[in-house]
Amino acid sequence: LKREENENAAWMLKLIIENEKIARKEKRPLCDDTGIPHVIIEIG
């Protein structure tokens, strides 16, 4: 956001950042496509 000079793109970056703040606070999915869970296990 600090380096973006395009006004429209900067506006969109602000919305993406705000979307994440709301999702994190209210524990709502970041996107309507909630995705397929994948698991990686690393064992010492």
PDB file of all heavy atoms in Angstrom:
ATOM      1  N   LEU A   1       0.832  -1.207   0.000  1.00  0.00           N
ATOM      2  CA  LEU A   1       0.000   0.000   0.000  1.00  0.00           C
ATOM      3  C   LEU A   1       0.866   1.257   0.000  1.00  0.00           C
ATOM      4  O   LEU A   1       0.544   2.249  -0.674  1.00  0.00           O
ATOM      5  CB  LEU A   1      -0.924  -0.005   1.222  1.00  0.00           C
ATOM      6  CG  LEU A   1      -1.900   1.164   1.345  1.00  0.00           C
ATOM      7  CD1 LEU A   1      -2.791   1.270   0.116  1.00  0.00           C
ATOM      8  CD2 LEU A   1      -2.751   1.003   2.609  1.00  0.00           C
ATOM      9  N   LYS A   2       1.985   1.228   0.701  1.00  0.00           N
ATOM     10  CA  LYS A   2       2.871   2.395   0.758  1.00  0.00           C
ATOM     11  C   LYS A   2       3.518   2.694  -0.589  1.00  0.00           C
ATOM     12  O   LYS A   2       3.753   3.847  -0.929  1.00  0.00           O
ATOM     13  CB  LYS A   2       3.955   2.178   1.816  1.00  0.00           C
ATOM     14  CG  LYS A   2       3.455   2.293   3.248  1.00  0.00           C
ATOM     15  CD  LYS A   2       4.596   2.112   4.231  1.00  0.00           C
ATOM     16  CE  LYS A   2       4.102   2.247   5.669  1.00  0.00           C
ATOM     17  NZ  LYS A   2       5.204   2.041   6.650  1.00  0.00           N
ATOM     18  N   ARG A   3       3.803   1.634  -1.362  1.00  0.00           N
ATOM     19  CA  ARG A   3       4.501   1.849  -2.636  1.00  0.00           C
ATOM     20  C   ARG A   3       3.555   2.010  -3.821  1.00  0.00           C
ATOM     21  O   ARG A   3       3.979   2.434  -4.887  1.00  0.00           O
ATOM     22  CB  ARG A   3       5.471   0.702  -2.904  1.00  0.00           C
ATOM     23  CG  ARG A   3       4.815  -0.643  -3.130  1.00  0.00           C
ATOM     24  CD  ARG A   3       5.814  -1.708  -3.551  1.00  0.00           C
ATOM     25  NE  ARG A   3       6.268  -1.512  -4.923  1.00  0.00           N
ATOM     26  CZ  ARG A   3       6.966  -2.419  -5.599  1.00  0.00           C
ATOM     27  NH1 ARG A   3       7.313  -3.545  -5.018  1.00  0.00           N
ATOM     28  NH2 ARG A   3       7.323  -2.183  -6.836  1.00  0.00           N
ATOM     29  N   GLU A   4       2.273   1.686  -3.646  1.00  0.00           N
ATOM     30  CA  GLU A   4       1.335   1.739  -4.769  1.00  0.00           C
ATOM     31  C   GLU A   4       0.945   3.183  -5.078  1.00  0.00           C
ATOM     32  O   GLU A   4       0.424   3.898  -4.225  1.00  0.00           O
ATOM     33  CB  GLU A   4       0.081   0.916  -4.445  1.00  0.00           C
ATOM     34  CG  GLU A   4      -0.910   0.835  -5.594  1.00  0.00           C
ATOM     35  CD  GLU A   4      -0.283   0.303  -6.863  1.00  0.00           C
ATOM     36  OE1 GLU A   4      -0.086  -0.922  -6.953  1.00  0.00           O
ATOM     37  OE2 GLU A   4       0.020   1.142  -7.752  1.00  0.00           O
ATOM     38  N   GLU A   5       1.183   3.609  -6.314  1.00  0.00           N
ATOM     39  CA  GLU A   5       0.879   4.977  -6.743  1.00  0.00           C
ATOM     40  C   GLU A   5      -0.415   5.062  -7.538  1.00  0.00           C
ATOM     41  O   GLU A   5      -0.977   6.148  -7.689  1.00  0.00           O
ATOM     42  CB  GLU A   5       2.039   5.539  -7.574  1.00  0.00           C
ATOM     43  CG  GLU A   5       3.342   5.657  -6.781  1.00  0.00           C
ATOM     44  CD  GLU A   5       4.481   6.199  -7.616  1.00  0.00           C
ATOM     45  OE1 GLU A   5       4.267   6.394  -8.848  1.00  0.00           O
ATOM     46  OE2 GLU A   5       5.570   6.431  -7.066  1.00  0.00           O
ATOM     47  N   ASN A   6      -0.886   3.937  -8.039  1.00  0.00           N
ATOM     48  CA  ASN A   6      -2.143   3.922  -8.780  1.00  0.00           C
ATOM     49  C   ASN A   6      -3.302   4.073  -7.788  1.00  0.00           C
ATOM     50  O   ASN A   6      -3.455   3.266  -6.867  1.00  0.00           O
ATOM     51  CB  ASN A   6      -2.257   2.607  -9.564  1.00  0.00           C
ATOM     52  CG  ASN A   6      -3.536   2.507 -10.369  1.00  0.00           C
ATOM     53  OD1 ASN A   6      -4.632   2.487  -9.816  1.00  0.00           O
ATOM     54  ND2 ASN A   6      -3.392   2.420 -11.689  1.00  0.00           N
ATOM     55  N   GLU A   7      -4.110   5.107  -7.959  1.00  0.00           N
ATOM     56  CA  GLU A   7      -5.166   5.417  -6.996  1.00  0.00           C
ATOM     57  C   GLU A   7      -6.183   4.284  -6.863  1.00  0.00           C
ATOM     58  O   GLU A   7      -6.597   3.928  -5.747  1.00  0.00           O
ATOM     59  CB  GLU A   7      -5.875   6.705  -7.418  1.00  0.00           C
ATOM     60  CG  GLU A   7      -6.928   7.173  -6.442  1.00  0.00           C
ATOM     61  CD  GLU A   7      -7.554   8.490  -6.859  1.00  0.00           C
ATOM     62  OE1 GLU A   7      -6.979   9.183  -7.729  1.00  0.00           O
ATOM     63  OE2 GLU A   7      -8.644   8.823  -6.328  1.00  0.00           O
ATOM     64  N   ASN A   8      -6.602   3.720  -7.983  1.00  0.00           N
ATOM     65  CA  ASN A   8      -7.592   2.642  -7.933  1.00  0.00           C
ATOM     66  C   ASN A   8      -7.023   1.387  -7.274  1.00  0.00           C
ATOM     67  O   ASN A   8      -7.702   0.718  -6.482  1.00  0.00           O
ATOM     68  CB  ASN A   8      -8.077   2.312  -9.348  1.00  0.00           C
ATOM     69  CG  ASN A   8      -8.927   3.416  -9.940  1.00  0.00           C
ATOM     70  OD1 ASN A   8      -9.574   4.163  -9.221  1.00  0.00           O
ATOM     71  ND2 ASN A   8      -8.915   3.519 -11.261  1.00  0.00           N
ATOM     72  N   ALA A   9      -5.777   1.062  -7.610  1.00  0.00           N
ATOM     73  CA  ALA A   9      -5.149  -0.119  -7.026  1.00  0.00           C
ATOM     74  C   ALA A   9      -4.930   0.073  -5.525  1.00  0.00           C
ATOM     75  O   ALA A   9      -5.108  -0.865  -4.748  1.00  0.00           O
ATOM     76  CB  ALA A   9      -3.824  -0.409  -7.732  1.00  0.00           C
ATOM     77  N   ALA A  10      -4.538   1.269  -5.123  1.00  0.00           N
ATOM     78  CA  ALA A  10      -4.346   1.549  -3.696  1.00  0.00           C
ATOM     79  C   ALA A  10      -5.668   1.408  -2.940  1.00  0.00           C
ATOM     80  O   ALA A  10      -5.709   0.882  -1.823  1.00  0.00           O
ATOM     81  CB  ALA A  10      -3.767   2.946  -3.508  1.00  0.00           C
ATOM     82  N   TRP A  11      -6.747   1.874  -3.545  1.00  0.00           N
ATOM     83  CA  TRP A  11      -8.088   1.739  -2.937  1.00  0.00           C
ATOM     84  C   TRP A  11      -8.428   0.263  -2.746  1.00  0.00           C
ATOM     85  O   TRP A  11      -8.950  -0.130  -1.697  1.00  0.00           O
ATOM     86  CB  TRP A  11      -9.119   2.413  -3.840  1.00  0.00           C
ATOM     87  CG  TRP A  11     -10.543   2.124  -3.487  1.00  0.00           C
ATOM     88  CD1 TRP A  11     -11.250   2.623  -2.446  1.00  0.00           C
ATOM     89  CD2 TRP A  11     -11.446   1.276  -4.220  1.00  0.00           C
ATOM     90  NE1 TRP A  11     -12.543   2.134  -2.462  1.00  0.00           N
ATOM     91  CE2 TRP A  11     -12.693   1.297  -3.544  1.00  0.00           C
ATOM     92  CE3 TRP A  11     -11.324   0.509  -5.374  1.00  0.00           C
ATOM     93  CZ2 TRP A  11     -13.792   0.576  -3.993  1.00  0.00           C
ATOM     94  CZ3 TRP A  11     -12.424  -0.210  -5.817  1.00  0.00           C
ATOM     95  CH2 TRP A  11     -13.640  -0.172  -5.119  1.00  0.00           C
ATOM     96  N   MET A  12      -8.093  -0.568  -3.740  1.00  0.00           N
ATOM     97  CA  MET A  12      -8.381  -1.989  -3.631  1.00  0.00           C
ATOM     98  C   MET A  12      -7.523  -2.646  -2.548  1.00  0.00           C
ATOM     99  O   MET A  12      -8.002  -3.504  -1.789  1.00  0.00           O
ATOM    100  CB  MET A  12      -8.147  -2.682  -4.978  1.00  0.00           C
ATOM    101  CG  MET A  12      -8.508  -4.157  -4.988  1.00  0.00           C
ATOM    102  SD  MET A  12     -10.179  -4.498  -4.374  1.00  0.00           S
ATOM    103  CE  MET A  12     -11.160  -3.582  -5.584  1.00  0.00           C
ATOM    104  N   LEU A  13      -6.255  -2.258  -2.440  1.00  0.00           N
ATOM    105  CA  LEU A  13      -5.399  -2.800  -1.393  1.00  0.00           C
ATOM    106  C   LEU A  13      -5.952  -2.458  -0.013  1.00  0.00           C
ATOM    107  O   LEU A  13      -5.923  -3.291   0.902  1.00  0.00           O
ATOM    108  CB  LEU A  13      -3.977  -2.247  -1.533  1.00  0.00           C
ATOM    109  CG  LEU A  13      -3.137  -2.839  -2.676  1.00  0.00           C
ATOM    110  CD1 LEU A  13      -1.841  -2.058  -2.828  1.00  0.00           C
ATOM    111  CD2 LEU A  13      -2.827  -4.313  -2.427  1.00  0.00           C
ATOM    112  N   LYS A  14      -6.473  -1.255   0.146  1.00  0.00           N
ATOM    113  CA  LYS A  14      -7.074  -0.863   1.423  1.00  0.00           C
ATOM    114  C   LYS A  14      -8.274  -1.755   1.752  1.00  0.00           C
ATOM    115  O   LYS A  14      -8.457  -2.155   2.899  1.00  0.00           O
ATOM    116  CB  LYS A  14      -7.514   0.598   1.378  1.00  0.00           C
ATOM    117  CG  LYS A  14      -6.377   1.602   1.378  1.00  0.00           C
ATOM    118  CD  LYS A  14      -6.901   3.023   1.283  1.00  0.00           C
ATOM    119  CE  LYS A  14      -5.770   4.031   1.227  1.00  0.00           C
ATOM    120  NZ  LYS A  14      -6.273   5.423   1.068  1.00  0.00           N
ATOM    121  N   LEU A  15      -9.078  -2.071   0.737  1.00  0.00           N
ATOM    122  CA  LEU A  15     -10.238  -2.941   0.957  1.00  0.00           C
ATOM    123  C   LEU A  15      -9.806  -4.356   1.341  1.00  0.00           C
ATOM    124  O   LEU A  15     -10.422  -4.989   2.203  1.00  0.00           O
ATOM    125  CB  LEU A  15     -11.113  -2.983  -0.302  1.00  0.00           C
ATOM    126  CG  LEU A  15     -11.893  -1.720  -0.645  1.00  0.00           C
ATOM    127  CD1 LEU A  15     -12.724  -1.951  -1.906  1.00  0.00           C
ATOM    128  CD2 LEU A  15     -12.797  -1.300   0.506  1.00  0.00           C
ATOM    129  N   ILE A  16      -8.753  -4.865   0.699  1.00  0.00           N
ATOM    130  CA  ILE A  16      -8.257  -6.209   1.027  1.00  0.00           C
ATOM    131  C   ILE A  16      -7.761  -6.249   2.468  1.00  0.00           C
ATOM    132  O   ILE A  16      -8.038  -7.194   3.215  1.00  0.00           O
ATOM    133  CB  ILE A  16      -7.126  -6.613   0.045  1.00  0.00           C
ATOM    134  CG1 ILE A  16      -7.694  -6.804  -1.367  1.00  0.00           C
ATOM    135  CG2 ILE A  16      -6.442  -7.894   0.517  1.00  0.00           C
ATOM    136  CD1 ILE A  16      -6.640  -7.012  -2.436  1.00  0.00           C
ATOM    137  N   ILE A  17      -7.027  -5.216   2.871  1.00  0.00           N
ATOM    138  CA  ILE A  17      -6.515  -5.133   4.243  1.00  0.00           C
ATOM    139  C   ILE A  17      -7.672  -5.043   5.236  1.00  0.00           C
ATOM    140  O   ILE A  17      -7.669  -5.702   6.281  1.00  0.00           O
ATOM    141  CB  ILE A  17      -5.561  -3.932   4.386  1.00  0.00           C
ATOM    142  CG1 ILE A  17      -4.286  -4.168   3.565  1.00  0.00           C
ATOM    143  CG2 ILE A  17      -5.229  -3.674   5.855  1.00  0.00           C
ATOM    144  CD1 ILE A  17      -3.394  -2.944   3.435  1.00  0.00           C
ATOM    145  N   GLU A  18      -8.675  -4.252   4.911  1.00  0.00           N
ATOM    146  CA  GLU A  18      -9.826  -4.098   5.805  1.00  0.00           C
ATOM    147  C   GLU A  18     -10.639  -5.390   5.871  1.00  0.00           C
ATOM    148  O   GLU A  18     -11.130  -5.768   6.951  1.00  0.00           O
ATOM    149  CB  GLU A  18     -10.717  -2.953   5.310  1.00  0.00           C
ATOM    150  CG  GLU A  18     -11.917  -2.655   6.191  1.00  0.00           C
ATOM    151  CD  GLU A  18     -11.552  -2.168   7.578  1.00  0.00           C
ATOM    152  OE1 GLU A  18     -10.411  -1.683   7.759  1.00  0.00           O
ATOM    153  OE2 GLU A  18     -12.402  -2.271   8.485  1.00  0.00           O
ATOM    154  N   ASN A  19     -10.768  -6.072   4.754  1.00  0.00           N
ATOM    155  CA  ASN A  19     -11.476  -7.356   4.726  1.00  0.00           C
ATOM    156  C   ASN A  19     -10.824  -8.346   5.680  1.00  0.00           C
ATOM    157  O   ASN A  19     -11.505  -9.064   6.428  1.00  0.00           O
ATOM    158  CB  ASN A  19     -11.479  -7.917   3.300  1.00  0.00           C
ATOM    159  CG  ASN A  19     -12.145  -9.274   3.200  1.00  0.00           C
ATOM    160  OD1 ASN A  19     -13.351  -9.396   3.301  1.00  0.00           O
ATOM    161  ND2 ASN A  19     -11.344 -10.319   2.993  1.00  0.00           N
ATOM    162  N   GLU A  20      -9.482  -8.384   5.689  1.00  0.00           N
ATOM    163  CA  GLU A  20      -8.774  -9.313   6.573  1.00  0.00           C
ATOM    164  C   GLU A  20      -8.962  -8.938   8.035  1.00  0.00           C
ATOM    165  O   GLU A  20      -9.112  -9.815   8.896  1.00  0.00           O
ATOM    166  CB  GLU A  20      -7.291  -9.335   6.216  1.00  0.00           C
ATOM    167  CG  GLU A  20      -6.526 -10.496   6.843  1.00  0.00           C
ATOM    168  CD  GLU A  20      -5.925 -10.173   8.203  1.00  0.00           C
ATOM    169  OE1 GLU A  20      -5.824  -8.973   8.544  1.00  0.00           O
ATOM    170  OE2 GLU A  20      -5.552 -11.116   8.929  1.00  0.00           O
ATOM    171  N   LYS A  21      -8.976  -7.653   8.333  1.00  0.00           N
ATOM    172  CA  LYS A  21      -9.188  -7.207   9.710  1.00  0.00           C
ATOM    173  C   LYS A  21     -10.552  -7.668  10.224  1.00  0.00           C
ATOM    174  O   LYS A  21     -10.674  -8.175  11.346  1.00  0.00           O
ATOM    175  CB  LYS A  21      -9.099  -5.682   9.801  1.00  0.00           C
ATOM    176  CG  LYS A  21      -7.699  -5.119   9.711  1.00  0.00           C
ATOM    177  CD  LYS A  21      -7.740  -3.600   9.842  1.00  0.00           C
ATOM    178  CE  LYS A  21      -6.347  -2.993   9.748  1.00  0.00           C
ATOM    179  NZ  LYS A  21      -6.384  -1.510   9.845  1.00  0.00           N
ATOM    180  N   ILE A  22     -11.572  -7.498   9.395  1.00  0.00           N
ATOM    181  CA  ILE A  22     -12.931  -7.897   9.794  1.00  0.00           C
ATOM    182  C   ILE A  22     -13.021  -9.414   9.935  1.00  0.00           C
ATOM    183  O   ILE A  22     -13.584  -9.935  10.909  1.00  0.00           O
ATOM    184  CB  ILE A  22     -13.954  -7.390   8.765  1.00  0.00           C
ATOM    185  CG1 ILE A  22     -13.992  -5.854   8.771  1.00  0.00           C
ATOM    186  CG2 ILE A  22     -15.348  -7.954   9.049  1.00  0.00           C
ATOM    187  CD1 ILE A  22     -14.787  -5.253   7.636  1.00  0.00           C
ATOM    188  N   ALA A  23     -12.455 -10.142   8.947  1.00  0.00           N
ATOM    189  CA  ALA A  23     -12.504 -11.608   8.986  1.00  0.00           C
ATOM    190  C   ALA A  23     -11.800 -12.143  10.228  1.00  0.00           C
ATOM    191  O   ALA A  23     -12.302 -13.053  10.897  1.00  0.00           O
ATOM    192  CB  ALA A  23     -11.859 -12.176   7.725  1.00  0.00           C
ATOM    193  N   ARG A  24     -10.649 -11.563  10.550  1.00  0.00           N
ATOM    194  CA  ARG A  24      -9.888 -12.031  11.715  1.00  0.00           C
ATOM    195  C   ARG A  24     -10.630 -11.731  13.015  1.00  0.00           C
ATOM    196  O   ARG A  24     -10.683 -12.570  13.921  1.00  0.00           O
ATOM    197  CB  ARG A  24      -8.520 -11.348  11.709  1.00  0.00           C
ATOM    198  CG  ARG A  24      -7.643 -11.651  12.902  1.00  0.00           C
ATOM    199  CD  ARG A  24      -6.172 -11.328  12.607  1.00  0.00           C
ATOM    200  NE  ARG A  24      -6.019 -10.166  11.768  1.00  0.00           N
ATOM    201  CZ  ARG A  24      -5.703  -8.940  12.210  1.00  0.00           C
ATOM    202  NH1 ARG A  24      -5.555  -8.726  13.508  1.00  0.00           N
ATOM    203  NH2 ARG A  24      -5.542  -7.936  11.363  1.00  0.00           N
ATOM    204  N   LYS A  25     -11.208 -10.546  13.113  1.00  0.00           N
ATOM    205  CA  LYS A  25     -11.916 -10.160  14.334  1.00  0.00           C
ATOM    206  C   LYS A  25     -13.174 -10.984  14.547  1.00  0.00           C
ATOM    207  O   LYS A  25     -13.465 -11.434  15.663  1.00  0.00           O
ATOM    208  CB  LYS A  25     -12.272  -8.676  14.274  1.00  0.00           C
ATOM    209  CG  LYS A  25     -12.999  -8.169  15.511  1.00  0.00           C
ATOM    210  CD  LYS A  25     -13.313  -6.683  15.386  1.00  0.00           C
ATOM    211  CE  LYS A  25     -14.072  -6.180  16.607  1.00  0.00           C
ATOM    212  NZ  LYS A  25     -14.389  -4.729  16.497  1.00  0.00           N
ATOM    213  N   GLU A  26     -13.932 -11.206  13.482  1.00  0.00           N
ATOM    214  CA  GLU A  26     -15.224 -11.885  13.593  1.00  0.00           C
ATOM    215  C   GLU A  26     -15.144 -13.376  13.273  1.00  0.00           C
ATOM    216  O   GLU A  26     -16.168 -14.061  13.288  1.00  0.00           O
ATOM    217  CB  GLU A  26     -16.238 -11.209  12.677  1.00  0.00           C
ATOM    218  CG  GLU A  26     -16.462  -9.735  13.020  1.00  0.00           C
ATOM    219  CD  GLU A  26     -17.563  -9.102  12.193  1.00  0.00           C
ATOM    220  OE1 GLU A  26     -18.211  -9.834  11.402  1.00  0.00           O
ATOM    221  OE2 GLU A  26     -17.762  -7.884  12.319  1.00  0.00           O
ATOM    222  N   LYS A  27     -13.919 -13.856  12.963  1.00  0.00           N
ATOM    223  CA  LYS A  27     -13.702 -15.267  12.595  1.00  0.00           C
ATOM    224  C   LYS A  27     -14.620 -15.695  11.447  1.00  0.00           C
ATOM    225  O   LYS A  27     -15.313 -16.719  11.501  1.00  0.00           O
ATOM    226  CB  LYS A  27     -13.893 -16.183  13.805  1.00  0.00           C
ATOM    227  CG  LYS A  27     -12.753 -16.087  14.815  1.00  0.00           C
ATOM    228  CD  LYS A  27     -12.887 -17.124  15.907  1.00  0.00           C
ATOM    229  CE  LYS A  27     -11.626 -17.247  16.742  1.00  0.00           C
ATOM    230  NZ  LYS A  27     -11.087 -15.972  17.257  1.00  0.00           N
ATOM    231  N   ARG A  28     -14.589 -14.884  10.399  1.00  0.00           N
ATOM    232  CA  ARG A  28     -15.328 -15.181   9.171  1.00  0.00           C
ATOM    233  C   ARG A  28     -14.342 -15.537   8.066  1.00  0.00           C
ATOM    234  O   ARG A  28     -13.227 -15.015   8.027  1.00  0.00           O
ATOM    235  CB  ARG A  28     -16.176 -13.983   8.741  1.00  0.00           C
ATOM    236  CG  ARG A  28     -17.279 -13.626   9.737  1.00  0.00           C
ATOM    237  CD  ARG A  28     -18.039 -12.397   9.260  1.00  0.00           C
ATOM    238  NE  ARG A  28     -19.093 -12.015  10.200  1.00  0.00           N
ATOM    239  CZ  ARG A  28     -20.314 -12.486  10.172  1.00  0.00           C
ATOM    240  NH1 ARG A  28     -20.659 -13.370   9.247  1.00  0.00           N
ATOM    241  NH2 ARG A  28     -21.218 -12.096  11.049  1.00  0.00           N
ATOM    242  N   PRO A  29     -14.727 -16.406   7.134  1.00  0.00           N
ATOM    243  CA  PRO A  29     -13.810 -16.789   6.054  1.00  0.00           C
ATOM    244  C   PRO A  29     -13.335 -15.580   5.241  1.00  0.00           C
ATOM    245  O   PRO A  29     -14.106 -14.664   4.962  1.00  0.00           O
ATOM    246  CB  PRO A  29     -14.651 -17.734   5.193  1.00  0.00           C
ATOM    247  CG  PRO A  29     -15.684 -18.279   6.128  1.00  0.00           C
ATOM    248  CD  PRO A  29     -15.996 -17.158   7.071  1.00  0.00           C
ATOM    249  N   LEU A  30     -12.065 -15.608   4.855  1.00  0.00           N
ATOM    250  CA  LEU A  30     -11.497 -14.536   4.033  1.00  0.00           C
ATOM    251  C   LEU A  30     -12.141 -14.489   2.650  1.00  0.00           C
ATOM    252  O   LEU A  30     -12.179 -13.440   2.020  1.00  0.00           O
ATOM    253  CB  LEU A  30      -9.991 -14.751   3.878  1.00  0.00           C
ATOM    254  CG  LEU A  30      -9.126 -14.434   5.093  1.00  0.00           C
ATOM    255  CD1 LEU A  30      -7.745 -15.062   4.924  1.00  0.00           C
ATOM    256  CD2 LEU A  30      -9.015 -12.930   5.284  1.00  0.00           C
ATOM    257  N   CYS A  31     -12.624 -15.633   2.191  1.00  0.00           N
ATOM    258  CA  CYS A  31     -13.190 -15.726   0.844  1.00  0.00           C
ATOM    259  C   CYS A  31     -14.366 -16.691   0.867  1.00  0.00           C
ATOM    260  O   CYS A  31     -14.403 -17.630   1.672  1.00  0.00           O
ATOM    261  CB  CYS A  31     -12.116 -16.212  -0.129  1.00  0.00           C
ATOM    262  SG  CYS A  31     -12.702 -16.448  -1.832  1.00  0.00           S
ATOM    263  N   ASP A  32     -15.324 -16.468  -0.019  1.00  0.00           N
ATOM    264  CA  ASP A  32     -16.479 -17.363  -0.123  1.00  0.00           C
ATOM    265  C   ASP A  32     -16.054 -18.779  -0.494  1.00  0.00           C
ATOM    266  O   ASP A  32     -16.664 -19.757  -0.052  1.00  0.00           O
ATOM    267  CB  ASP A  32     -17.464 -16.815  -1.165  1.00  0.00           C
ATOM    268  CG  ASP A  32     -18.633 -17.750  -1.392  1.00  0.00           C
ATOM    269  OD1 ASP A  32     -19.395 -17.966  -0.432  1.00  0.00           O
ATOM    270  OD2 ASP A  32     -18.772 -18.269  -2.507  1.00  0.00           O
ATOM    271  N   ASP A  33     -14.990 -18.910  -1.318  1.00  0.00           N
ATOM    272  CA  ASP A  33     -14.421 -20.224  -1.603  1.00  0.00           C
ATOM    273  C   ASP A  33     -13.518 -20.573  -0.426  1.00  0.00           C
ATOM    274  O   ASP A  33     -12.358 -20.159  -0.361  1.00  0.00           O
ATOM    275  CB  ASP A  33     -13.618 -20.184  -2.901  1.00  0.00           C
ATOM    276  CG  ASP A  33     -12.996 -21.530  -3.243  1.00  0.00           C
ATOM    277  OD1 ASP A  33     -13.097 -22.472  -2.425  1.00  0.00           O
ATOM    278  OD2 ASP A  33     -12.385 -21.640  -4.327  1.00  0.00           O
ATOM    279  N   THR A  34     -14.047 -21.310   0.533  1.00  0.00           N
ATOM    280  CA  THR A  34     -13.310 -21.576   1.763  1.00  0.00           C
ATOM    281  C   THR A  34     -12.190 -22.594   1.596  1.00  0.00           C
ATOM    282  O   THR A  34     -11.375 -22.774   2.492  1.00  0.00           O
ATOM    283  CB  THR A  34     -14.269 -22.048   2.879  1.00  0.00           C
ATOM    284  OG1 THR A  34     -15.108 -23.085   2.367  1.00  0.00           O
ATOM    285  CG2 THR A  34     -15.131 -20.890   3.353  1.00  0.00           C
ATOM    286  N   GLY A  35     -12.134 -23.257   0.450  1.00  0.00           N
ATOM    287  CA  GLY A  35     -10.976 -24.067   0.122  1.00  0.00           C
ATOM    288  C   GLY A  35     -11.042 -25.520   0.561  1.00  0.00           C
ATOM    289  O   GLY A  35     -11.919 -25.947   1.304  1.00  0.00           O
ATOM    290  N   ILE A  36     -10.075 -26.270   0.067  1.00  0.00           N
ATOM    291  CA  ILE A  36      -9.910 -27.683   0.396  1.00  0.00           C
ATOM    292  C   ILE A  36      -8.759 -27.806   1.395  1.00  0.00           C
ATOM    293  O   ILE A  36      -7.655 -27.325   1.126  1.00  0.00           O
ATOM    294  CB  ILE A  36      -9.567 -28.511  -0.859  1.00  0.00           C
ATOM    295  CG1 ILE A  36     -10.578 -28.248  -1.989  1.00  0.00           C
ATOM    296  CG2 ILE A  36      -9.483 -29.994  -0.511  1.00  0.00           C
ATOM    297  CD1 ILE A  36     -11.989 -28.632  -1.671  1.00  0.00           C
ATOM    298  N   PRO A  37      -8.987 -28.443   2.569  1.00  0.00           N
ATOM    299  CA  PRO A  37      -7.903 -28.559   3.541  1.00  0.00           C
ATOM    300  C   PRO A  37      -6.815 -29.526   3.087  1.00  0.00           C
ATOM    301  O   PRO A  37      -7.111 -30.634   2.629  1.00  0.00           O
ATOM    302  CB  PRO A  37      -8.613 -29.077   4.807  1.00  0.00           C
ATOM    303  CG  PRO A  37      -9.884 -29.692   4.329  1.00  0.00           C
ATOM    304  CD  PRO A  37     -10.263 -29.004   3.065  1.00  0.00           C
ATOM    305  N   HIS A  38      -5.577 -29.083   3.172  1.00  0.00           N
ATOM    306  CA  HIS A  38      -4.401 -29.912   2.902  1.00  0.00           C
ATOM    307  C   HIS A  38      -3.536 -29.932   4.155  1.00  0.00           C
ATOM    308  O   HIS A  38      -3.424 -28.908   4.840  1.00  0.00           O
ATOM    309  CB  HIS A  38      -3.594 -29.360   1.722  1.00  0.00           C
ATOM    310  CG  HIS A  38      -4.228 -29.594   0.391  1.00  0.00           C
ATOM    311  ND1 HIS A  38      -5.478 -29.113   0.056  1.00  0.00           N
ATOM    312  CD2 HIS A  38      -3.777 -30.263  -0.707  1.00  0.00           C
ATOM    313  CE1 HIS A  38      -5.765 -29.475  -1.189  1.00  0.00           C
ATOM    314  NE2 HIS A  38      -4.761 -30.175  -1.666  1.00  0.00           N
ATOM    315  N   VAL A  39      -2.920 -31.056   4.438  1.00  0.00           N
ATOM    316  CA  VAL A  39      -2.150 -31.219   5.678  1.00  0.00           C
ATOM    317  C   VAL A  39      -0.734 -31.677   5.361  1.00  0.00           C
ATOM    318  O   VAL A  39      -0.531 -32.637   4.612  1.00  0.00           O
ATOM    319  CB  VAL A  39      -2.821 -32.238   6.618  1.00  0.00           C
ATOM    320  CG1 VAL A  39      -1.985 -32.431   7.888  1.00  0.00           C
ATOM    321  CG2 VAL A  39      -4.235 -31.805   6.972  1.00  0.00           C
ATOM    322  N   ILE A  40       0.239 -30.983   5.930  1.00  0.00           N
ATOM    323  CA  ILE A  40       1.638 -31.388   5.874  1.00  0.00           C
ATOM    324  C   ILE A  40       2.090 -31.641   7.311  1.00  0.00           C
ATOM    325  O   ILE A  40       1.925 -30.777   8.180  1.00  0.00           O
ATOM    326  CB  ILE A  40       2.526 -30.299   5.234  1.00  0.00           C
ATOM    327  CG1 ILE A  40       2.064 -29.991   3.804  1.00  0.00           C
ATOM    328  CG2 ILE A  40       3.990 -30.737   5.236  1.00  0.00           C
ATOM    329  CD1 ILE A  40       2.804 -28.831   3.174  1.00  0.00           C
ATOM    330  N   ILE A  41       2.662 -32.810   7.558  1.00  0.00           N
ATOM    331  CA  ILE A  41       3.150 -33.163   8.894  1.00  0.00           C
ATOM    332  C   ILE A  41       4.661 -33.338   8.830  1.00  0.00           C
ATOM    333  O   ILE A  41       5.173 -34.107   8.003  1.00  0.00           O
ATOM    334  CB  ILE A  41       2.491 -34.458   9.399  1.00  0.00           C
ATOM    335  CG1 ILE A  41       0.967 -34.331   9.376  1.00  0.00           C
ATOM    336  CG2 ILE A  41       2.977 -34.789  10.815  1.00  0.00           C
ATOM    337  CD1 ILE A  41       0.241 -35.635   9.633  1.00  0.00           C
ATOM    338  N   GLU A  42       5.375 -32.611   9.668  1.00  0.00           N
ATOM    339  CA  GLU A  42       6.830 -32.718   9.751  1.00  0.00           C
ATOM    340  C   GLU A  42       7.200 -33.247  11.142  1.00  0.00           C
ATOM    341  O   GLU A  42       6.909 -32.597  12.146  1.00  0.00           O
ATOM    342  CB  GLU A  42       7.480 -31.363   9.502  1.00  0.00           C
ATOM    343  CG  GLU A  42       7.210 -30.821   8.096  1.00  0.00           C
ATOM    344  CD  GLU A  42       7.730 -29.428   7.873  1.00  0.00           C
ATOM    345  OE1 GLU A  42       7.726 -28.630   8.836  1.00  0.00           O
ATOM    346  OE2 GLU A  42       8.143 -29.132   6.733  1.00  0.00           O
ATOM    347  N   ILE A  43       7.830 -34.421  11.175  1.00  0.00           N
ATOM    348  CA  ILE A  43       8.125 -35.101  12.437  1.00  0.00           C
ATOM    349  C   ILE A  43       9.628 -35.117  12.676  1.00  0.00           C
ATOM    350  O   ILE A  43      10.396 -35.573  11.823  1.00  0.00           O
ATOM    351  CB  ILE A  43       7.578 -36.540  12.421  1.00  0.00           C
ATOM    352  CG1 ILE A  43       6.069 -36.536  12.145  1.00  0.00           C
ATOM    353  CG2 ILE A  43       7.884 -37.247  13.730  1.00  0.00           C
ATOM    354  CD1 ILE A  43       5.465 -37.918  11.983  1.00  0.00           C
ATOM    355  N   GLY A  44      10.045 -34.619  13.829  1.00  0.00           N
ATOM    356  CA  GLY A  44      11.451 -34.668  14.196  1.00  0.00           C
ATOM    357  C   GLY A  44      11.939 -36.103  14.285  1.00  0.00           C
ATOM    358  O   GLY A  44      11.222 -36.992  14.754  1.00  0.00           O
TER     359      GLY A  44
END
